[in-house]
Amino acid sequence: MTGKERREQLLDVGRVLFAERGYEGTSVEEIAHKAGVSKPVVYEHFGGKEGLYAVVVDREMSRLLDMVTGALTGGHPRELLEQAAFALLDYIEQYTDGFRILVRDSPVAQSTGTFASLISDIATQVEDILGHEFKQRGFDPKLAPLYAQALVGMVALTGQWWLDAQRPGKAEVAAHLVNLSWNGLSGLEPKPRLIGHRKN
């Protein structure tokens, strides 16, 4: 096996073990054993468990971001919502281990390597779309970041739930997410107000 092939093998083994057991529950010994190598081989390629984990997380974050970005091909704003919802659900379905790793908290995740930062990156892209739509409809475009975070967060948390529930089917989940998002956005008040007693 070449050095590159060995590295990829270790990444594959690490991804599976981190998804099953989490960062803390996985050891270098176990990674080496599953890969059929000695511990020094893992250290040689990644410097240790933390290095391997960081590369796995980075790859999964890039894959998910690429899938979402690639899915946003344009069209009607409702269609963009559908594209984003399907992209995340497709990722969850196709790369379950990667998604499980991304949503776990890890002691080695930096502020730029967490699921929250990934969701924020996706929301930034959605923010541009919403800002344009808000302007066209007479809403304050400065509020686009708030709505982008809310929409992307809703889809991401629903995705976490769907990963475990595995029903209803992906298309139905996407349809319900888009239904709530779209109908909520279509009834948006330009100056929302609270109706309860509490005002701050």
C-alpha atoms as a PDB file:
ATOM      1  CA  MET A   1       0.000   0.000   0.000  1.00  0.00           C
ATOM      2  CA  THR A   2       1.360   3.443  -0.904  1.00  0.00           C
ATOM      3  CA  GLY A   3       1.627   6.191   1.704  1.00  0.00           C
ATOM      4  CA  LYS A   4      -1.342   7.998   0.123  1.00  0.00           C
ATOM      5  CA  GLU A   5      -3.447   4.808   0.123  1.00  0.00           C
ATOM      6  CA  ARG A   6      -2.517   4.134   3.762  1.00  0.00           C
ATOM      7  CA  ARG A   7      -3.495   7.687   4.720  1.00  0.00           C
ATOM      8  CA  GLU A   8      -6.886   7.277   3.015  1.00  0.00           C
ATOM      9  CA  GLN A   9      -7.390   3.930   4.737  1.00  0.00           C
ATOM     10  CA  LEU A  10      -6.678   5.499   8.132  1.00  0.00           C
ATOM     11  CA  LEU A  11      -9.095   8.317   7.353  1.00  0.00           C
ATOM     12  CA  ASP A  12     -11.819   5.807   6.418  1.00  0.00           C
ATOM     13  CA  VAL A  13     -11.244   3.756   9.572  1.00  0.00           C
ATOM     14  CA  GLY A  14     -11.114   6.883  11.716  1.00  0.00           C
ATOM     15  CA  ARG A  15     -14.344   8.247  10.203  1.00  0.00           C
ATOM     16  CA  VAL A  16     -16.220   5.037  11.039  1.00  0.00           C
ATOM     17  CA  LEU A  17     -14.855   4.812  14.596  1.00  0.00           C
ATOM     18  CA  PHE A  18     -15.373   8.512  15.391  1.00  0.00           C
ATOM     19  CA  ALA A  19     -18.961   8.240  14.115  1.00  0.00           C
ATOM     20  CA  GLU A  20     -19.658   5.150  16.230  1.00  0.00           C
ATOM     21  CA  ARG A  21     -17.840   6.096  19.433  1.00  0.00           C
ATOM     22  CA  GLY A  22     -17.066   9.808  19.260  1.00  0.00           C
ATOM     23  CA  TYR A  23     -13.689  11.417  19.707  1.00  0.00           C
ATOM     24  CA  GLU A  24     -13.244  10.495  23.366  1.00  0.00           C
ATOM     25  CA  GLY A  25     -14.400   6.908  22.847  1.00  0.00           C
ATOM     26  CA  THR A  26     -11.902   6.219  20.078  1.00  0.00           C
ATOM     27  CA  SER A  27      -8.236   5.368  20.687  1.00  0.00           C
ATOM     28  CA  VAL A  28      -5.168   5.353  18.458  1.00  0.00           C
ATOM     29  CA  GLU A  29      -4.756   1.679  19.362  1.00  0.00           C
ATOM     30  CA  GLU A  30      -8.205   0.869  18.035  1.00  0.00           C
ATOM     31  CA  ILE A  31      -7.652   2.858  14.831  1.00  0.00           C
ATOM     32  CA  ALA A  32      -4.340   1.087  14.219  1.00  0.00           C
ATOM     33  CA  HIS A  33      -5.851  -2.338  14.983  1.00  0.00           C
ATOM     34  CA  LYS A  34      -8.816  -1.842  12.606  1.00  0.00           C
ATOM     35  CA  ALA A  35      -6.440  -0.628   9.887  1.00  0.00           C
ATOM     36  CA  GLY A  36      -4.056  -3.545  10.469  1.00  0.00           C
ATOM     37  CA  VAL A  37      -1.088  -1.296  11.242  1.00  0.00           C
ATOM     38  CA  SER A  38       0.962  -0.347  14.275  1.00  0.00           C
ATOM     39  CA  LYS A  39       0.298   2.815  16.319  1.00  0.00           C
ATOM     40  CA  PRO A  40       3.439   4.537  14.982  1.00  0.00           C
ATOM     41  CA  VAL A  41       1.909   4.447  11.477  1.00  0.00           C
ATOM     42  CA  VAL A  42      -1.060   6.513  12.693  1.00  0.00           C
ATOM     43  CA  TYR A  43       1.321   8.955  14.400  1.00  0.00           C
ATOM     44  CA  GLU A  44       3.486   9.131  11.282  1.00  0.00           C
ATOM     45  CA  HIS A  45       0.549  10.185   9.079  1.00  0.00           C
ATOM     46  CA  PHE A  46      -1.419  12.402  11.460  1.00  0.00           C
ATOM     47  CA  GLY A  47       0.632  13.064  14.579  1.00  0.00           C
ATOM     48  CA  GLY A  48      -2.033  11.312  16.657  1.00  0.00           C
ATOM     49  CA  LYS A  49      -5.765  11.003  17.150  1.00  0.00           C
ATOM     50  CA  GLU A  50      -6.358  14.760  17.217  1.00  0.00           C
ATOM     51  CA  GLY A  51      -4.679  15.249  13.839  1.00  0.00           C
ATOM     52  CA  LEU A  52      -6.650  12.413  12.252  1.00  0.00           C
ATOM     53  CA  TYR A  53      -9.894  13.749  13.700  1.00  0.00           C
ATOM     54  CA  ALA A  54      -9.171  17.273  12.430  1.00  0.00           C
ATOM     55  CA  VAL A  55      -8.638  16.007   8.865  1.00  0.00           C
ATOM     56  CA  VAL A  56     -11.832  13.896   9.016  1.00  0.00           C
ATOM     57  CA  VAL A  57     -13.869  16.886  10.254  1.00  0.00           C
ATOM     58  CA  ASP A  58     -12.342  19.215   7.675  1.00  0.00           C
ATOM     59  CA  ARG A  59     -13.140  16.818   4.832  1.00  0.00           C
ATOM     60  CA  GLU A  60     -16.720  16.310   5.988  1.00  0.00           C
ATOM     61  CA  MET A  61     -17.296  20.030   6.392  1.00  0.00           C
ATOM     62  CA  SER A  62     -15.969  20.652   2.884  1.00  0.00           C
ATOM     63  CA  ARG A  63     -18.104  17.861   1.448  1.00  0.00           C
ATOM     64  CA  LEU A  64     -21.302  19.178   3.060  1.00  0.00           C
ATOM     65  CA  LEU A  65     -20.595  22.786   2.128  1.00  0.00           C
ATOM     66  CA  ASP A  66     -19.831  21.740  -1.464  1.00  0.00           C
ATOM     67  CA  MET A  67     -23.072  19.745  -1.658  1.00  0.00           C
ATOM     68  CA  VAL A  68     -25.174  22.641  -0.384  1.00  0.00           C
ATOM     69  CA  THR A  69     -23.384  25.252  -2.489  1.00  0.00           C
ATOM     70  CA  GLY A  70     -23.576  23.052  -5.577  1.00  0.00           C
ATOM     71  CA  ALA A  71     -27.279  22.446  -5.052  1.00  0.00           C
ATOM     72  CA  LEU A  72     -28.169  26.141  -5.014  1.00  0.00           C
ATOM     73  CA  THR A  73     -28.518  26.452  -8.764  1.00  0.00           C
ATOM     74  CA  GLY A  74     -31.046  29.250  -8.777  1.00  0.00           C
ATOM     75  CA  GLY A  75     -34.609  29.627  -9.768  1.00  0.00           C
ATOM     76  CA  HIS A  76     -37.563  30.744  -7.713  1.00  0.00           C
ATOM     77  CA  PRO A  77     -36.743  31.401  -4.017  1.00  0.00           C
ATOM     78  CA  ARG A  78     -38.976  28.502  -2.968  1.00  0.00           C
ATOM     79  CA  GLU A  79     -37.014  26.236  -5.283  1.00  0.00           C
ATOM     80  CA  LEU A  80     -33.796  27.432  -3.629  1.00  0.00           C
ATOM     81  CA  LEU A  81     -35.248  26.366  -0.263  1.00  0.00           C
ATOM     82  CA  GLU A  82     -36.030  22.946  -1.730  1.00  0.00           C
ATOM     83  CA  GLN A  83     -32.518  22.646  -3.151  1.00  0.00           C
ATOM     84  CA  ALA A  84     -30.928  23.508   0.198  1.00  0.00           C
ATOM     85  CA  ALA A  85     -33.166  21.119   2.160  1.00  0.00           C
ATOM     86  CA  PHE A  86     -32.497  18.257  -0.252  1.00  0.00           C
ATOM     87  CA  ALA A  87     -28.734  18.937  -0.232  1.00  0.00           C
ATOM     88  CA  LEU A  88     -28.526  18.589   3.545  1.00  0.00           C
ATOM     89  CA  LEU A  89     -30.799  15.535   3.620  1.00  0.00           C
ATOM     90  CA  ASP A  90     -28.818  13.954   0.764  1.00  0.00           C
ATOM     91  CA  TYR A  91     -25.606  14.486   2.724  1.00  0.00           C
ATOM     92  CA  ILE A  92     -27.132  12.930   5.847  1.00  0.00           C
ATOM     93  CA  GLU A  93     -28.340   9.943   3.843  1.00  0.00           C
ATOM     94  CA  GLN A  94     -25.156   9.406   1.810  1.00  0.00           C
ATOM     95  CA  TYR A  95     -22.550  10.336   4.442  1.00  0.00           C
ATOM     96  CA  THR A  96     -24.188   9.325   7.701  1.00  0.00           C
ATOM     97  CA  ASP A  97     -20.872   8.748   9.478  1.00  0.00           C
ATOM     98  CA  GLY A  98     -19.642  12.168   8.447  1.00  0.00           C
ATOM     99  CA  PHE A  99     -22.823  13.868   9.647  1.00  0.00           C
ATOM    100  CA  ARG A 100     -22.670  12.065  12.996  1.00  0.00           C
ATOM    101  CA  ILE A 101     -19.099  13.317  13.438  1.00  0.00           C
ATOM    102  CA  LEU A 102     -20.011  16.897  12.512  1.00  0.00           C
ATOM    103  CA  VAL A 103     -22.876  17.173  14.976  1.00  0.00           C
ATOM    104  CA  ARG A 104     -20.890  15.820  17.909  1.00  0.00           C
ATOM    105  CA  ASP A 105     -19.108  18.218  20.194  1.00  0.00           C
ATOM    106  CA  SER A 106     -15.378  17.671  20.238  1.00  0.00           C
ATOM    107  CA  PRO A 107     -12.650  19.029  22.456  1.00  0.00           C
ATOM    108  CA  VAL A 108     -10.417  19.496  19.414  1.00  0.00           C
ATOM    109  CA  ALA A 109     -12.883  21.431  17.273  1.00  0.00           C
ATOM    110  CA  GLN A 110     -11.849  25.019  16.800  1.00  0.00           C
ATOM    111  CA  SER A 111     -14.317  27.836  16.258  1.00  0.00           C
ATOM    112  CA  THR A 112     -13.787  27.266  12.542  1.00  0.00           C
ATOM    113  CA  GLY A 113     -14.236  23.500  12.745  1.00  0.00           C
ATOM    114  CA  THR A 114     -17.584  23.018  14.400  1.00  0.00           C
ATOM    115  CA  PHE A 115     -21.007  22.139  13.086  1.00  0.00           C
ATOM    116  CA  ALA A 116     -22.169  25.571  14.242  1.00  0.00           C
ATOM    117  CA  SER A 117     -19.487  27.275  12.140  1.00  0.00           C
ATOM    118  CA  LEU A 118     -20.444  25.142   9.138  1.00  0.00           C
ATOM    119  CA  ILE A 119     -24.103  26.056   9.557  1.00  0.00           C
ATOM    120  CA  SER A 120     -23.018  29.678   9.803  1.00  0.00           C
ATOM    121  CA  ASP A 121     -21.094  29.350   6.511  1.00  0.00           C
ATOM    122  CA  ILE A 122     -24.170  27.928   4.788  1.00  0.00           C
ATOM    123  CA  ALA A 123     -26.364  30.617   6.347  1.00  0.00           C
ATOM    124  CA  THR A 124     -24.047  33.294   4.926  1.00  0.00           C
ATOM    125  CA  GLN A 125     -24.796  32.011   1.439  1.00  0.00           C
ATOM    126  CA  VAL A 126     -28.527  31.903   2.159  1.00  0.00           C
ATOM    127  CA  GLU A 127     -28.254  35.416   3.603  1.00  0.00           C
ATOM    128  CA  ASP A 128     -27.277  36.826   0.212  1.00  0.00           C
ATOM    129  CA  ILE A 129     -30.327  35.274  -1.416  1.00  0.00           C
ATOM    130  CA  LEU A 130     -32.636  36.471   1.364  1.00  0.00           C
ATOM    131  CA  GLY A 131     -31.129  39.958   1.342  1.00  0.00           C
ATOM    132  CA  HIS A 132     -31.952  40.304  -2.347  1.00  0.00           C
ATOM    133  CA  GLU A 133     -35.487  38.989  -1.832  1.00  0.00           C
ATOM    134  CA  PHE A 134     -36.037  41.221   1.211  1.00  0.00           C
ATOM    135  CA  LYS A 135     -35.021  44.296  -0.775  1.00  0.00           C
ATOM    136  CA  GLN A 136     -37.411  43.423  -3.604  1.00  0.00           C
ATOM    137  CA  ARG A 137     -40.308  42.965  -1.163  1.00  0.00           C
ATOM    138  CA  GLY A 138     -39.714  46.058   0.938  1.00  0.00           C
ATOM    139  CA  PHE A 139     -38.242  44.352   4.008  1.00  0.00           C
ATOM    140  CA  ASP A 140     -35.128  45.475   5.833  1.00  0.00           C
ATOM    141  CA  PRO A 141     -32.247  43.550   4.183  1.00  0.00           C
ATOM    142  CA  LYS A 142     -30.175  44.020   7.365  1.00  0.00           C
ATOM    143  CA  LEU A 143     -32.390  41.335   8.933  1.00  0.00           C
ATOM    144  CA  ALA A 144     -31.420  38.738   6.302  1.00  0.00           C
ATOM    145  CA  PRO A 145     -28.649  37.250   8.531  1.00  0.00           C
ATOM    146  CA  LEU A 146     -31.175  36.587  11.336  1.00  0.00           C
ATOM    147  CA  TYR A 147     -33.609  34.842   9.009  1.00  0.00           C
ATOM    148  CA  ALA A 148     -30.825  32.906   7.263  1.00  0.00           C
ATOM    149  CA  GLN A 149     -29.577  31.523  10.603  1.00  0.00           C
ATOM    150  CA  ALA A 150     -33.148  30.590  11.592  1.00  0.00           C
ATOM    151  CA  LEU A 151     -33.883  28.791   8.324  1.00  0.00           C
ATOM    152  CA  VAL A 152     -30.595  26.917   8.070  1.00  0.00           C
ATOM    153  CA  GLY A 153     -30.697  26.017  11.771  1.00  0.00           C
ATOM    154  CA  MET A 154     -34.210  24.625  11.400  1.00  0.00           C
ATOM    155  CA  VAL A 155     -33.160  22.420   8.488  1.00  0.00           C
ATOM    156  CA  ALA A 156     -29.981  21.246  10.262  1.00  0.00           C
ATOM    157  CA  LEU A 157     -31.733  20.328  13.509  1.00  0.00           C
ATOM    158  CA  THR A 158     -34.501  18.561  11.629  1.00  0.00           C
ATOM    159  CA  GLY A 159     -31.778  16.656   9.785  1.00  0.00           C
ATOM    160  CA  GLN A 160     -30.322  15.488  13.095  1.00  0.00           C
ATOM    161  CA  TRP A 161     -33.748  14.244  14.166  1.00  0.00           C
ATOM    162  CA  TRP A 162     -34.378  12.572  10.786  1.00  0.00           C
ATOM    163  CA  LEU A 163     -31.051  10.721  10.960  1.00  0.00           C
ATOM    164  CA  ASP A 164     -32.344   8.790  13.959  1.00  0.00           C
ATOM    165  CA  ALA A 165     -36.049   8.629  13.050  1.00  0.00           C
ATOM    166  CA  GLN A 166     -35.458   7.660   9.376  1.00  0.00           C
ATOM    167  CA  ARG A 167     -39.072   8.490   8.578  1.00  0.00           C
ATOM    168  CA  PRO A 168     -40.939   9.979   6.924  1.00  0.00           C
ATOM    169  CA  GLY A 169     -39.058   9.693   3.649  1.00  0.00           C
ATOM    170  CA  LYS A 170     -36.538  12.290   2.519  1.00  0.00           C
ATOM    171  CA  ALA A 171     -38.829  13.977  -0.029  1.00  0.00           C
ATOM    172  CA  GLU A 172     -41.611  14.297   2.545  1.00  0.00           C
ATOM    173  CA  VAL A 173     -39.247  15.770   5.138  1.00  0.00           C
ATOM    174  CA  ALA A 174     -37.956  18.260   2.544  1.00  0.00           C
ATOM    175  CA  ALA A 175     -41.532  19.159   1.550  1.00  0.00           C
ATOM    176  CA  HIS A 176     -42.510  19.859   5.166  1.00  0.00           C
ATOM    177  CA  LEU A 177     -39.382  21.917   5.808  1.00  0.00           C
ATOM    178  CA  VAL A 178     -40.028  23.981   2.705  1.00  0.00           C
ATOM    179  CA  ASN A 179     -43.723  24.291   3.601  1.00  0.00           C
ATOM    180  CA  LEU A 180     -42.934  25.726   7.027  1.00  0.00           C
ATOM    181  CA  SER A 181     -40.148  27.948   5.715  1.00  0.00           C
ATOM    182  CA  TRP A 182     -41.921  29.215   2.637  1.00  0.00           C
ATOM    183  CA  ASN A 183     -45.307  29.807   4.194  1.00  0.00           C
ATOM    184  CA  GLY A 184     -43.659  31.414   7.193  1.00  0.00           C
ATOM    185  CA  LEU A 185     -41.641  33.698   4.925  1.00  0.00           C
ATOM    186  CA  SER A 186     -44.568  34.467   2.617  1.00  0.00           C
ATOM    187  CA  GLY A 187     -46.554  35.787   5.587  1.00  0.00           C
ATOM    188  CA  LEU A 188     -43.656  37.813   6.936  1.00  0.00           C
ATOM    189  CA  GLU A 189     -44.603  41.095   8.568  1.00  0.00           C
ATOM    190  CA  PRO A 190     -42.326  44.022   7.680  1.00  0.00           C
ATOM    191  CA  LYS A 191     -42.370  45.203  11.312  1.00  0.00           C
ATOM    192  CA  PRO A 192     -43.222  42.198  13.518  1.00  0.00           C
ATOM    193  CA  ARG A 193     -44.507  42.949  16.994  1.00  0.00           C
ATOM    194  CA  LEU A 194     -45.065  40.968  20.131  1.00  0.00           C
ATOM    195  CA  ILE A 195     -48.635  40.579  21.366  1.00  0.00           C
ATOM    196  CA  GLY A 196     -47.942  39.251  24.864  1.00  0.00           C
ATOM    197  CA  HIS A 197     -47.249  41.267  28.000  1.00  0.00           C
ATOM    198  CA  ARG A 198     -43.510  40.870  27.829  1.00  0.00           C
ATOM    199  CA  LYS A 199     -41.790  43.470  25.655  1.00  0.00           C
ATOM    200  CA  ASN A 200     -38.110  42.895  26.448  1.00  0.00           C
END
